[in-house]
Amino acid sequence: MKYRSSKRILGTVIFLTAWPAFARQPQAVRNELSAQLESADGAQPAFSSEGRERRRTTPPDAAKEATLPESSAKPAPAPPPSHQLGPLTVSVNWRFRTEAWDWFQPTTGQNAYSFDHSLLRIGLGQKSENLEWFLEGAQDAVVDLPTGAIVSGTPGQLGLGGTYFAANGKGLNNANGFVRQAYFGFKLPANGKLRLGRFTFLDGAELTLPDKSLATLINTRITQRLIGDFGFSAVGRSFDGAQLSLNAGNNNFTLLGARPTRGVYQIDGMGELDIDLFYGAFTVPVATGNSTGELRIFSLGYIDERGALLKTDNRPATARSADRYHIRIGTYGADYVHVFRTQNNGQFDFLLWGTLQSGSWGSETQRAGAFVAEVGWQPVIHILHPWFAAGYSFGSGDSNPTDGRHRTFFQVLPTPRPYARFPFYNMMNNEDFYGTSVFRLPHSLVVRSELHALRLASAQDLWYGGGGAFQPKTFGYTGRSSGGNRSLANVWDVSLDLPLGYGFSLTTYYAHAWGKSVVSSIYPAGANAQFGYVETNFHF
C-alpha cells in the first residue's frame, strides 16, 4: 500500500510541476509580484534556489523573517509588510510538505513510502535605532513515517523517512515545540552591530548587495556550504552564541562564536550540542564599470567534544571504536564571484570557492580540501528569461584508512540541499560535474532543472550523506562502503515555484537518480531512485 501511495504522489508531483505553466492569477496579484521581481538592472528578475535572497549584516526583524520556502528556486519577493501589535512586530510562517521516496532498492526493507511534516513559526519582536530583540517559537510535526525504511548493514536508512524514524526514537507520529530564536541586537560605535542569544546563521551571507544578479548567485551557490540553518529539514538548526559585524566603508568583518542546537531531523530542537564553532570573515564588494563582484576570505574552527561518539570514516570499526579523542578542525578558504554585463549578449558570471583543512580527526591528523568552479550565462531571451550554468565541485577523499591521516573533506554544519537537491550525497569524498537551467516565466513562475554526474573522489573512502551533527548520540554524517568503486550516480531534477498571492506559495519538486557501480554494489535489487514533494508556504 505504501509503495502504491508513494508512486501516486510522485505522479502528482510531476503533474503539478507541469500544470502551473498554464495557470492564471488575478491581475492585482500578478502586478504586485511583477513589481517585486524586477532586478537591479531593470531587465531580468532574480532567482533563489533556497529562498535565501536576503543578504544582511544585521539581525532580521520580525517582518523579514517571513521568507520564501527553504526549498524554493524562485525569485525572492520584497519583505512583506510589518504587522504591528502596538509597538511590537508580529510574524507568522507556516510550511507543510508531503514527501514521496522511491529509494534505491535493497533485497529487503521498505524503500518506497510517503510522509508529511509541518513547521509553524510565530515571532514577536521590536526594533529601535540602537536596540532590537526578537523571540520566535516553533511547532514541528513529522507524521506517518515508514517503519521499515531502515535496513541493518551497509544499506542503512532508505531515504529521509528512515532518518526521521531513527532520530525520533522510532516514533510513527511525532510533534514538539521549541524556541527557534531569542536574541538581542545592539548597535555599536564605528558602525558595528552585536547579536547575543539564539539565532540562525548562514556563512557567506555577510553583506547586503544592491546587485540582484550577484546577490542571487552568492545566495544560491556560495552560502551555507559550511554553516547553515538546514532549513530544508523538518526542524532546522539554530545557534546559541554571539555574532559581531563591523562595516568599514563597503567592507565587512563578521565574527561568530556559537554552539549549534539540536534539531534538523530530531523534532526536539530546544537543547544545544557539545560542539564549539568559531567563524570569521572579511568580505569586499567589487565594482568595475559594467561588472560587479564580491571577495570573501574566511576561517572556521570546529571542536566536537562528543569524544565517545563513533566517528563516520573509512577506518575499520575496531580503530574507530578505540578512538575517543575529540575532533578539532580548522577550515581556511576564500571565494570570489563576478557578474559581467554586455550590451547585446546578456550577462555572464563565474565563481570560485575553495578551502583547506588542518587539525585533528580524533587520533588522526586532518588534511583535506574542497574546490568549486562555475560559469553562467543569462542570454537576452524575453518571456523565458533563462539562466544557464555549468560547474565542477570537488571534496577530497581518503585513499588510505590506516596511515594516520584523515583526508576526507569535512563539511562541518552546512545546509547541503541547495547543492544536492536530491539529498542522498554531499560534498564529502565527492566529485560533481553539473549543469543548471532556470526559466523565469510570465505570471511569476520559475522552473529550475539540474543535471549531475556524481562520482567519489576516492574509491577507498565512503559514500557520505547528511548535513552535520543534530543530536548528542548521533555523529550527523552517514557513510556507506564504496565496494572499491567510484561511479556513484547520474541525477536529473526539476522544480517549479508558484507564488499564489495573499501570503501563499506552492513548490513542487521531482528527481530521478540512475545509480552506478557504487549504488549497485549496495542495492542489487534496483539501482535507480526517485524523490518528489509538494510544499505549501504561508507567511503573515
Protein backbone atom coordinates (compact mmCIF):
# COMPACT_ATOMS: atom_id res chain seq x y z
CA MET A 1 0.00 0.00 0.00
CA LYS A 2 2.81 2.41 0.91
CA TYR A 3 4.59 1.61 -2.35
CA ARG A 4 1.50 2.43 -4.45
CA SER A 5 0.88 5.58 -2.38
CA SER A 6 4.38 6.92 -2.96
CA LYS A 7 4.09 6.20 -6.67
CA ARG A 8 0.84 8.15 -6.84
CA ILE A 9 2.40 11.09 -5.01
CA LEU A 10 5.42 11.08 -7.34
CA GLY A 11 3.00 11.14 -10.27
CA THR A 12 1.12 14.03 -8.68
CA VAL A 13 4.38 15.95 -8.23
CA ILE A 14 5.20 15.54 -11.92
CA PHE A 15 1.70 16.70 -12.89
CA LEU A 16 1.84 19.74 -10.59
CA THR A 17 5.29 20.62 -11.94
CA ALA A 18 3.85 20.91 -15.44
CA TRP A 19 0.35 22.24 -14.77
CA PRO A 20 1.05 25.74 -13.36
CA ALA A 21 2.68 26.80 -16.63
CA PHE A 22 -0.89 27.22 -17.88
CA ALA A 23 -2.24 28.75 -14.69
CA ARG A 24 -3.53 32.29 -14.37
CA GLN A 25 -3.57 34.57 -11.35
CA PRO A 26 -5.69 37.60 -10.54
CA GLN A 27 -4.36 40.69 -12.29
CA ALA A 28 -3.75 42.51 -8.99
CA VAL A 29 -1.58 39.66 -7.71
CA ARG A 30 0.36 39.50 -10.97
CA ASN A 31 1.03 43.22 -10.92
CA GLU A 32 2.23 43.05 -7.33
CA LEU A 33 4.58 40.14 -7.99
CA SER A 34 5.88 41.68 -11.21
CA ALA A 35 6.95 44.77 -9.32
CA GLN A 36 8.66 42.66 -6.70
CA LEU A 37 10.65 40.57 -9.17
CA GLU A 38 12.32 43.39 -11.11
CA SER A 39 16.11 43.06 -10.98
CA ALA A 40 18.66 45.75 -10.29
CA ASP A 41 19.28 46.41 -13.98
CA GLY A 42 15.53 46.68 -14.64
CA ALA A 43 15.57 43.88 -17.18
CA GLN A 44 15.52 40.42 -15.62
CA PRO A 45 14.17 39.02 -12.38
CA ALA A 46 16.48 37.24 -9.97
CA PHE A 47 16.00 33.76 -8.51
CA SER A 48 16.94 31.95 -5.32
CA SER A 49 17.11 28.17 -5.02
CA GLU A 50 16.71 28.08 -1.27
CA GLY A 51 14.65 31.17 -0.64
CA ARG A 52 17.75 32.93 0.66
CA GLU A 53 17.91 36.17 -1.29
CA ARG A 54 18.10 38.12 1.91
CA ARG A 55 21.66 39.34 2.37
CA ARG A 56 22.23 41.27 5.56
CA THR A 57 24.74 42.07 8.21
CA THR A 58 22.16 42.86 10.85
CA PRO A 59 19.66 40.54 12.52
CA PRO A 60 16.38 40.32 10.63
CA ASP A 61 13.38 41.97 12.14
CA ALA A 62 10.22 40.01 12.63
CA ALA A 63 8.74 41.02 9.30
CA LYS A 64 11.76 39.94 7.29
CA GLU A 65 11.66 36.52 8.89
CA ALA A 66 8.71 35.74 6.61
CA THR A 67 10.78 34.49 3.67
CA LEU A 68 10.43 32.06 0.80
CA PRO A 69 10.23 28.31 1.33
CA GLU A 70 13.58 26.79 2.25
CA SER A 71 13.44 24.58 -0.83
CA SER A 72 12.50 27.33 -3.23
CA ALA A 73 14.07 28.03 -6.59
CA LYS A 74 12.02 31.10 -7.22
CA PRO A 75 12.64 34.83 -7.10
CA ALA A 76 12.66 36.37 -3.65
CA PRO A 77 9.90 38.89 -3.20
CA ALA A 78 10.28 42.06 -1.23
CA PRO A 79 9.81 41.58 2.52
CA PRO A 80 6.12 41.51 3.44
CA PRO A 81 4.69 44.49 5.29
CA SER A 82 5.24 44.56 9.03
CA HIS A 83 2.28 43.61 11.15
CA GLN A 84 2.22 45.75 14.24
CA LEU A 85 0.72 44.89 17.60
CA GLY A 86 1.20 48.22 19.34
CA PRO A 87 4.97 48.78 19.42
CA LEU A 88 5.66 45.10 18.58
CA THR A 89 6.15 43.40 15.22
CA VAL A 90 4.44 40.05 14.67
CA SER A 91 5.27 37.38 12.06
CA VAL A 92 3.67 34.03 11.27
CA ASN A 93 5.22 31.46 8.91
CA TRP A 94 3.82 28.00 8.18
CA ARG A 95 5.18 25.31 5.88
CA PHE A 96 3.57 21.96 5.05
CA ARG A 97 5.23 19.35 2.85
CA THR A 98 4.39 15.85 1.61
CA GLU A 99 7.47 13.87 0.57
CA ALA A 100 7.47 10.70 -1.55
CA TRP A 101 10.52 8.45 -1.70
CA ASP A 102 11.40 5.57 -4.00
CA TRP A 103 14.90 4.83 -2.70
CA PHE A 104 17.49 2.53 -4.25
CA GLN A 105 16.15 -0.98 -3.71
CA PRO A 106 17.81 -3.40 -1.27
CA THR A 107 16.98 -7.10 -1.05
CA THR A 108 14.76 -6.37 1.96
CA GLY A 109 13.22 -3.25 3.50
CA GLN A 110 10.68 -0.54 2.68
CA ASN A 111 12.29 1.70 0.07
CA ALA A 112 9.04 3.28 -1.29
CA TYR A 113 6.84 5.37 1.01
CA SER A 114 5.50 8.84 1.73
CA PHE A 115 5.20 11.01 4.85
CA ASP A 116 4.22 14.54 5.86
CA HIS A 117 5.74 17.26 8.00
CA SER A 118 4.76 20.73 9.16
CA LEU A 119 6.65 23.65 10.70
CA LEU A 120 4.81 26.61 12.23
CA ARG A 121 6.83 29.63 13.39
CA ILE A 122 5.45 32.62 15.27
CA GLY A 123 7.69 35.58 16.01
CA LEU A 124 7.43 38.69 18.13
CA GLY A 125 9.98 41.49 18.14
CA GLN A 126 10.75 45.17 18.48
CA LYS A 127 13.36 47.34 16.83
CA SER A 128 14.69 50.82 17.58
CA GLU A 129 17.71 52.73 16.37
CA ASN A 130 20.13 51.24 18.90
CA LEU A 131 18.42 48.10 20.16
CA GLU A 132 16.31 45.26 18.87
CA TRP A 133 15.02 41.97 20.19
CA PHE A 134 13.28 39.02 18.61
CA LEU A 135 11.60 35.91 20.01
CA GLU A 136 10.41 33.11 17.75
CA GLY A 137 8.72 29.90 18.78
CA ALA A 138 8.31 26.87 16.52
CA GLN A 139 5.99 23.89 16.48
CA ASP A 140 7.06 20.96 14.29
CA ALA A 141 5.36 17.70 13.37
CA VAL A 142 6.53 14.70 11.32
CA VAL A 143 3.80 12.11 10.76
CA ASP A 144 3.12 8.80 9.02
CA LEU A 145 6.77 7.77 8.96
CA PRO A 146 7.70 4.40 7.43
CA THR A 147 8.54 1.66 9.92
CA GLY A 148 10.59 -0.49 7.54
CA ALA A 149 12.89 2.08 5.93
CA ILE A 150 15.94 1.05 7.97
CA VAL A 151 17.99 -1.99 6.96
CA SER A 152 20.92 -3.28 9.02
CA GLY A 153 24.37 -3.18 7.49
CA THR A 154 25.51 -1.11 4.53
CA PRO A 155 22.05 -0.30 3.03
CA GLY A 156 21.20 1.65 6.21
CA GLN A 157 18.43 4.26 6.15
CA LEU A 158 16.40 4.12 2.95
CA GLY A 159 15.85 7.85 2.45
CA LEU A 160 14.90 10.60 4.89
CA GLY A 161 11.85 8.70 6.11
CA GLY A 162 14.21 6.22 7.74
CA THR A 163 16.35 9.07 9.05
CA TYR A 164 13.41 10.82 10.77
CA PHE A 165 12.18 7.48 12.14
CA ALA A 166 15.57 6.66 13.69
CA ALA A 167 16.19 10.18 15.01
CA ASN A 168 12.88 10.30 16.89
CA GLY A 169 13.01 7.05 18.81
CA LYS A 170 11.24 5.08 16.04
CA GLY A 171 8.04 7.03 16.53
CA LEU A 172 5.48 6.84 13.75
CA ASN A 173 3.94 10.27 14.51
CA ASN A 174 6.00 12.98 16.21
CA ALA A 175 5.38 16.57 17.31
CA ASN A 176 7.14 19.07 19.55
CA GLY A 177 7.64 22.75 20.27
CA PHE A 178 10.82 24.75 20.90
CA VAL A 179 12.37 28.21 20.84
CA ARG A 180 13.91 28.75 17.43
CA GLN A 181 15.27 32.27 18.01
CA ALA A 182 15.64 34.50 21.06
CA TYR A 183 18.19 37.29 20.80
CA PHE A 184 19.05 40.91 21.49
CA GLY A 185 20.79 43.11 18.94
CA PHE A 186 22.86 46.17 19.83
CA LYS A 187 24.21 48.97 17.67
CA LEU A 188 27.88 49.66 18.46
CA PRO A 189 30.22 52.57 17.71
CA ALA A 190 32.15 52.56 14.43
CA ASN A 191 29.17 51.16 12.52
CA GLY A 192 29.16 47.86 14.38
CA LYS A 193 26.38 45.52 15.47
CA LEU A 194 26.30 42.79 18.08
CA ARG A 195 23.79 39.99 18.37
CA LEU A 196 23.53 37.83 21.52
CA GLY A 197 21.33 34.81 22.14
CA ARG A 198 19.83 32.15 19.85
CA PHE A 199 19.67 32.94 16.13
CA THR A 200 20.10 31.45 12.68
CA PHE A 201 23.30 31.97 10.69
CA LEU A 202 24.44 31.32 7.12
CA ASP A 203 28.10 31.56 6.18
CA GLY A 204 28.64 33.72 3.09
CA ALA A 205 25.65 35.99 3.78
CA GLU A 206 27.59 38.79 5.45
CA LEU A 207 26.76 41.64 3.06
CA THR A 208 23.58 43.07 1.58
CA LEU A 209 24.30 43.64 -2.12
CA PRO A 210 22.33 46.04 -4.36
CA ASP A 211 23.08 43.97 -7.48
CA LYS A 212 20.38 41.28 -7.50
CA SER A 213 22.11 39.00 -10.01
CA LEU A 214 25.26 38.97 -7.88
CA ALA A 215 23.25 38.54 -4.67
CA THR A 216 21.30 35.65 -6.19
CA LEU A 217 24.48 33.94 -7.35
CA ILE A 218 26.04 34.19 -3.90
CA ASN A 219 22.90 33.08 -2.09
CA THR A 220 22.32 30.05 -4.30
CA ARG A 221 25.91 28.89 -4.97
CA ILE A 222 28.08 30.16 -2.09
CA THR A 223 26.18 30.47 1.18
CA GLN A 224 25.64 27.60 3.63
CA ARG A 225 28.33 25.33 2.20
CA LEU A 226 29.91 25.14 5.67
CA ILE A 227 27.44 26.71 8.13
CA GLY A 228 23.68 26.81 7.63
CA ASP A 229 20.32 26.53 9.33
CA PHE A 230 19.37 23.34 7.42
CA GLY A 231 16.08 24.99 6.56
CA PHE A 232 15.06 22.23 4.16
CA SER A 233 14.69 19.75 7.03
CA ALA A 234 11.52 19.43 9.09
CA VAL A 235 13.04 21.19 12.12
CA GLY A 236 16.11 23.22 11.14
CA ARG A 237 19.09 24.39 13.15
CA SER A 238 19.89 27.49 15.21
CA PHE A 239 22.99 28.68 17.07
CA ASP A 240 23.46 29.84 20.67
CA GLY A 241 26.17 32.47 20.95
CA ALA A 242 27.32 35.87 19.72
CA GLN A 243 27.77 37.48 16.31
CA LEU A 244 29.71 40.70 15.74
CA SER A 245 29.53 42.63 12.46
CA LEU A 246 31.74 45.63 11.67
CA ASN A 247 31.43 47.68 8.49
CA ALA A 248 34.47 49.58 7.23
CA GLY A 249 33.18 51.57 4.29
CA ASN A 250 31.72 48.97 1.92
CA ASN A 251 33.75 46.18 3.51
CA ASN A 252 32.55 43.91 6.28
CA PHE A 253 34.14 41.97 9.15
CA THR A 254 31.99 39.26 10.73
CA LEU A 255 32.89 37.18 13.78
CA LEU A 256 30.85 34.33 15.24
CA GLY A 257 31.22 32.22 18.36
CA ALA A 258 28.40 29.77 18.97
CA ARG A 259 27.12 26.29 19.69
CA PRO A 260 24.67 24.54 17.34
CA THR A 261 21.30 23.45 18.62
CA ARG A 262 19.71 20.06 18.25
CA GLY A 263 17.01 19.59 15.66
CA VAL A 264 17.28 19.07 11.87
CA TYR A 265 15.77 15.55 11.79
CA GLN A 266 15.07 15.37 15.52
CA ILE A 267 11.82 17.12 16.48
CA ASP A 268 13.30 18.37 19.77
CA GLY A 269 15.21 21.48 18.71
CA MET A 270 15.49 23.04 22.15
CA GLY A 271 18.81 21.81 23.52
CA GLU A 272 22.30 22.54 22.24
CA LEU A 273 25.16 20.22 21.31
CA ASP A 274 28.58 19.84 22.91
CA ILE A 275 30.23 21.45 19.88
CA ASP A 276 32.06 24.79 19.70
CA LEU A 277 32.01 26.76 16.45
CA PHE A 278 34.12 29.81 15.62
CA TYR A 279 33.95 31.75 12.36
CA GLY A 280 35.48 34.90 10.94
CA ALA A 281 35.15 36.51 7.51
CA PHE A 282 36.31 39.60 5.66
CA THR A 283 34.07 40.49 2.70
CA VAL A 284 34.88 43.06 -0.01
CA PRO A 285 32.46 44.12 -2.78
CA VAL A 286 33.98 44.94 -6.17
CA ALA A 287 32.54 47.26 -8.84
CA THR A 288 34.23 47.97 -12.19
CA GLY A 289 32.23 49.59 -14.97
CA ASN A 290 29.54 47.19 -16.14
CA SER A 291 30.60 44.38 -13.81
CA THR A 292 30.31 43.66 -10.10
CA GLY A 293 31.83 41.09 -7.79
CA GLU A 294 32.48 40.04 -4.22
CA LEU A 295 35.54 38.60 -2.49
CA ARG A 296 35.32 36.78 0.84
CA ILE A 297 38.20 35.43 2.94
CA PHE A 298 37.17 33.25 5.86
CA SER A 299 38.30 30.84 8.54
CA LEU A 300 36.34 28.44 10.69
CA GLY A 301 37.12 26.49 13.84
CA TYR A 302 35.15 23.37 14.80
CA ILE A 303 35.58 21.49 18.08
CA ASP A 304 33.40 18.41 18.62
CA GLU A 305 33.71 17.38 22.26
CA ARG A 306 31.46 14.33 21.92
CA GLY A 307 34.57 12.16 22.18
CA ALA A 308 32.83 8.88 22.99
CA LEU A 309 30.79 9.07 19.80
CA LEU A 310 31.68 6.69 16.96
CA LYS A 311 33.07 8.75 14.08
CA THR A 312 31.99 8.13 10.49
CA ASP A 313 35.06 7.46 8.34
CA ASN A 314 36.73 4.69 6.34
CA ARG A 315 38.78 3.14 9.15
CA PRO A 316 37.98 -0.37 10.41
CA ALA A 317 35.30 -0.48 13.12
CA THR A 318 37.81 -1.52 15.77
CA ALA A 319 40.00 1.53 15.11
CA ARG A 320 37.02 3.88 15.19
CA SER A 321 35.69 2.37 18.42
CA ALA A 322 39.05 2.83 20.11
CA ASP A 323 39.32 6.50 19.04
CA ARG A 324 37.78 8.58 21.86
CA TYR A 325 39.63 11.80 21.04
CA HIS A 326 37.83 15.00 20.04
CA ILE A 327 37.60 16.42 16.54
CA ARG A 328 39.40 19.78 16.24
CA ILE A 329 39.45 21.12 12.69
CA GLY A 330 40.41 24.47 11.19
CA THR A 331 38.97 25.38 7.79
CA TYR A 332 40.55 28.22 5.80
CA GLY A 333 39.26 29.46 2.48
CA ALA A 334 38.12 32.13 0.10
CA ASP A 335 35.59 32.66 -2.66
CA TYR A 336 35.14 35.14 -5.47
CA VAL A 337 32.00 35.80 -7.54
CA HIS A 338 31.72 38.15 -10.51
CA VAL A 339 28.96 39.21 -12.92
CA PHE A 340 29.72 40.81 -16.32
CA ARG A 341 27.10 42.73 -18.30
CA THR A 342 27.27 43.14 -22.07
CA GLN A 343 25.23 45.39 -24.32
CA ASN A 344 23.79 42.73 -26.63
CA ASN A 345 24.71 39.29 -25.27
CA GLY A 346 23.23 39.33 -21.79
CA GLN A 347 25.08 38.68 -18.55
CA PHE A 348 27.99 36.32 -17.85
CA ASP A 349 29.18 35.21 -14.44
CA PHE A 350 31.71 32.98 -12.75
CA LEU A 351 32.55 31.88 -9.23
CA LEU A 352 35.43 30.20 -7.43
CA TRP A 353 35.21 28.71 -3.93
CA GLY A 354 37.93 26.77 -2.12
CA THR A 355 39.01 25.59 1.32
CA LEU A 356 41.86 23.76 3.04
CA GLN A 357 41.55 21.92 6.35
CA SER A 358 44.02 21.03 9.08
CA GLY A 359 43.82 19.87 12.69
CA SER A 360 42.90 16.54 14.24
CA TRP A 361 40.23 14.00 13.41
CA GLY A 362 40.28 12.24 16.74
CA SER A 363 43.59 10.39 16.85
CA GLU A 364 44.29 11.12 13.18
CA THR A 365 45.70 14.25 11.51
CA GLN A 366 43.24 16.17 9.37
CA ARG A 367 44.48 17.23 5.92
CA ALA A 368 41.73 17.87 3.39
CA GLY A 369 40.25 20.37 0.98
CA ALA A 370 37.43 21.25 -1.39
CA PHE A 371 37.00 23.33 -4.54
CA VAL A 372 34.13 24.65 -6.69
CA ALA A 373 34.21 26.45 -10.05
CA GLU A 374 31.17 27.57 -12.05
CA VAL A 375 30.36 29.72 -15.09
CA GLY A 376 26.94 31.06 -16.09
CA TRP A 377 25.13 32.98 -18.80
CA GLN A 378 21.87 34.92 -18.86
CA PRO A 379 21.04 35.49 -22.55
CA VAL A 380 18.56 38.17 -23.56
CA ILE A 381 15.52 36.00 -24.34
CA HIS A 382 12.24 37.58 -23.41
CA ILE A 383 9.40 35.56 -21.90
CA LEU A 384 11.76 32.75 -20.77
CA HIS A 385 14.47 34.90 -19.10
CA PRO A 386 16.83 31.90 -18.85
CA TRP A 387 19.93 31.48 -16.71
CA PHE A 388 22.29 28.64 -17.67
CA ALA A 389 25.27 27.47 -15.63
CA ALA A 390 27.82 24.65 -15.58
CA GLY A 391 30.29 23.76 -12.88
CA TYR A 392 32.54 21.31 -11.08
CA SER A 393 32.62 20.57 -7.36
CA PHE A 394 35.33 18.55 -5.59
CA GLY A 395 35.58 17.41 -1.98
CA SER A 396 38.64 15.34 -1.13
CA GLY A 397 38.51 11.71 -0.03
CA ASP A 398 40.81 9.44 1.95
CA SER A 399 42.75 6.83 -0.04
CA ASN A 400 44.47 5.09 2.91
CA PRO A 401 42.45 4.28 6.06
CA THR A 402 45.49 3.10 8.05
CA ASP A 403 48.12 5.83 7.56
CA GLY A 404 47.04 8.08 10.47
CA ARG A 405 45.87 10.89 8.19
CA HIS A 406 42.23 11.75 7.53
CA ARG A 407 42.00 13.30 4.07
CA THR A 408 38.22 13.37 3.72
CA PHE A 409 36.85 16.88 3.42
CA PHE A 410 34.60 17.60 6.42
CA GLN A 411 31.63 19.83 5.52
CA VAL A 412 31.08 20.97 9.15
CA LEU A 413 27.44 22.16 9.70
CA PRO A 414 26.06 23.07 6.26
CA THR A 415 22.71 23.13 4.56
CA PRO A 416 23.64 20.59 1.87
CA ARG A 417 20.33 20.68 -0.01
CA PRO A 418 20.99 23.75 -2.25
CA TYR A 419 23.90 21.79 -3.78
CA ALA A 420 22.35 18.30 -3.60
CA ARG A 421 18.65 18.80 -4.28
CA PHE A 422 18.08 15.03 -4.27
CA PRO A 423 19.63 14.67 -0.80
CA PHE A 424 21.49 11.37 -0.94
CA TYR A 425 25.02 12.85 -1.12
CA ASN A 426 27.06 15.87 -0.03
CA MET A 427 30.49 17.40 -0.74
CA MET A 428 32.49 14.82 1.25
CA ASN A 429 34.59 12.46 -0.92
CA ASN A 430 32.64 13.68 -3.89
CA GLU A 431 33.12 14.93 -7.44
CA ASP A 432 30.15 16.59 -9.10
CA PHE A 433 30.00 17.67 -12.75
CA TYR A 434 26.77 19.63 -13.05
CA GLY A 435 24.64 21.88 -15.21
CA THR A 436 21.67 24.04 -14.23
CA SER A 437 18.98 25.95 -16.10
CA VAL A 438 16.45 28.38 -14.70
CA PHE A 439 13.49 29.84 -16.61
CA ARG A 440 11.65 32.82 -15.15
CA LEU A 441 8.32 32.68 -16.92
CA PRO A 442 5.35 35.03 -17.02
CA HIS A 443 2.93 35.06 -14.10
CA SER A 444 5.88 34.73 -11.69
CA LEU A 445 6.51 31.05 -12.47
CA VAL A 446 10.08 29.84 -12.04
CA VAL A 447 11.27 26.47 -13.33
CA ARG A 448 14.68 25.11 -12.37
CA SER A 449 16.28 21.92 -13.63
CA GLU A 450 19.67 20.37 -12.85
CA LEU A 451 21.85 17.55 -14.18
CA HIS A 452 24.58 15.97 -12.04
CA ALA A 453 27.22 13.35 -12.83
CA LEU A 454 28.49 12.11 -9.46
CA ARG A 455 31.47 10.02 -8.51
CA LEU A 456 33.55 9.50 -5.40
CA ALA A 457 36.88 11.29 -5.12
CA SER A 458 38.46 8.12 -3.71
CA ALA A 459 37.29 4.53 -4.18
CA GLN A 460 38.90 3.62 -0.84
CA ASP A 461 36.66 6.02 1.05
CA LEU A 462 32.91 6.01 1.78
CA TRP A 463 29.80 7.36 0.08
CA TYR A 464 28.81 10.09 2.56
CA GLY A 465 25.45 11.73 3.27
CA GLY A 466 23.96 14.10 5.82
CA GLY A 467 24.50 17.66 6.98
CA GLY A 468 26.30 17.53 10.31
CA ALA A 469 25.57 16.99 13.99
CA PHE A 470 21.96 17.26 15.15
CA GLN A 471 21.69 15.17 18.33
CA PRO A 472 24.08 14.19 21.16
CA LYS A 473 24.43 10.48 20.37
CA THR A 474 24.44 10.59 16.57
CA PHE A 475 27.51 11.67 14.62
CA GLY A 476 25.49 13.51 11.98
CA TYR A 477 27.04 12.08 8.81
CA THR A 478 26.44 8.62 7.38
CA GLY A 479 28.84 6.57 5.28
CA ARG A 480 28.42 3.52 3.06
CA SER A 481 31.18 1.33 1.67
CA SER A 482 32.06 2.05 -1.94
CA GLY A 483 32.92 -1.57 -2.71
CA GLY A 484 36.09 -0.31 -4.38
CA ASN A 485 34.10 1.70 -6.92
CA ARG A 486 33.97 5.41 -7.75
CA SER A 487 30.98 5.97 -10.06
CA LEU A 488 28.02 6.99 -7.87
CA ALA A 489 25.02 8.19 -9.92
CA ASN A 490 23.61 10.50 -12.55
CA VAL A 491 20.78 12.76 -11.37
CA TRP A 492 18.16 14.84 -13.18
CA ASP A 493 15.61 17.01 -11.40
CA VAL A 494 13.06 19.75 -11.97
CA SER A 495 11.28 22.12 -9.62
CA LEU A 496 8.56 24.70 -10.05
CA ASP A 497 7.73 27.60 -7.76
CA LEU A 498 4.47 29.46 -7.95
CA PRO A 499 3.54 32.46 -5.77
CA LEU A 500 -0.19 32.28 -5.17
CA GLY A 501 -0.70 35.67 -3.54
CA TYR A 502 -2.15 36.56 -0.16
CA GLY A 503 0.93 35.16 1.58
CA PHE A 504 0.74 31.68 -0.01
CA SER A 505 3.16 29.93 -2.35
CA LEU A 506 3.47 26.45 -3.86
CA THR A 507 6.61 24.43 -4.62
CA THR A 508 6.80 21.10 -6.45
CA TYR A 509 9.93 19.01 -6.99
CA TYR A 510 10.80 15.76 -8.74
CA ALA A 511 14.17 13.98 -9.12
CA HIS A 512 15.39 10.73 -10.67
CA ALA A 513 18.76 9.12 -9.96
CA TRP A 514 20.40 6.44 -12.09
CA GLY A 515 22.71 4.61 -9.70
CA LYS A 516 26.10 3.43 -10.92
CA SER A 517 28.64 0.91 -9.61
CA VAL A 518 28.79 2.23 -6.01
CA VAL A 519 25.00 2.11 -5.67
CA SER A 520 24.51 -1.22 -7.44
CA SER A 521 27.06 -2.89 -5.17
CA ILE A 522 24.89 -1.95 -2.15
CA TYR A 523 21.40 -2.16 -3.67
CA PRO A 524 21.42 -5.13 -6.08
CA ALA A 525 17.62 -5.28 -6.45
CA GLY A 526 17.38 -1.84 -8.04
CA ALA A 527 19.98 0.90 -8.57
CA ASN A 528 17.57 3.70 -9.56
CA ALA A 529 15.73 6.05 -7.20
CA GLN A 530 13.09 8.80 -7.25
CA PHE A 531 12.19 11.60 -4.88
CA GLY A 532 9.47 14.23 -5.01
CA TYR A 533 7.44 16.55 -2.85
CA VAL A 534 4.65 19.09 -2.84
CA GLU A 535 5.07 22.02 -0.44
CA THR A 536 2.88 24.95 0.55
CA ASN A 537 4.06 28.02 2.43
CA PHE A 538 2.18 30.80 4.13
CA HIS A 539 3.59 33.95 5.70
CA PHE A 540 1.89 36.78 7.52
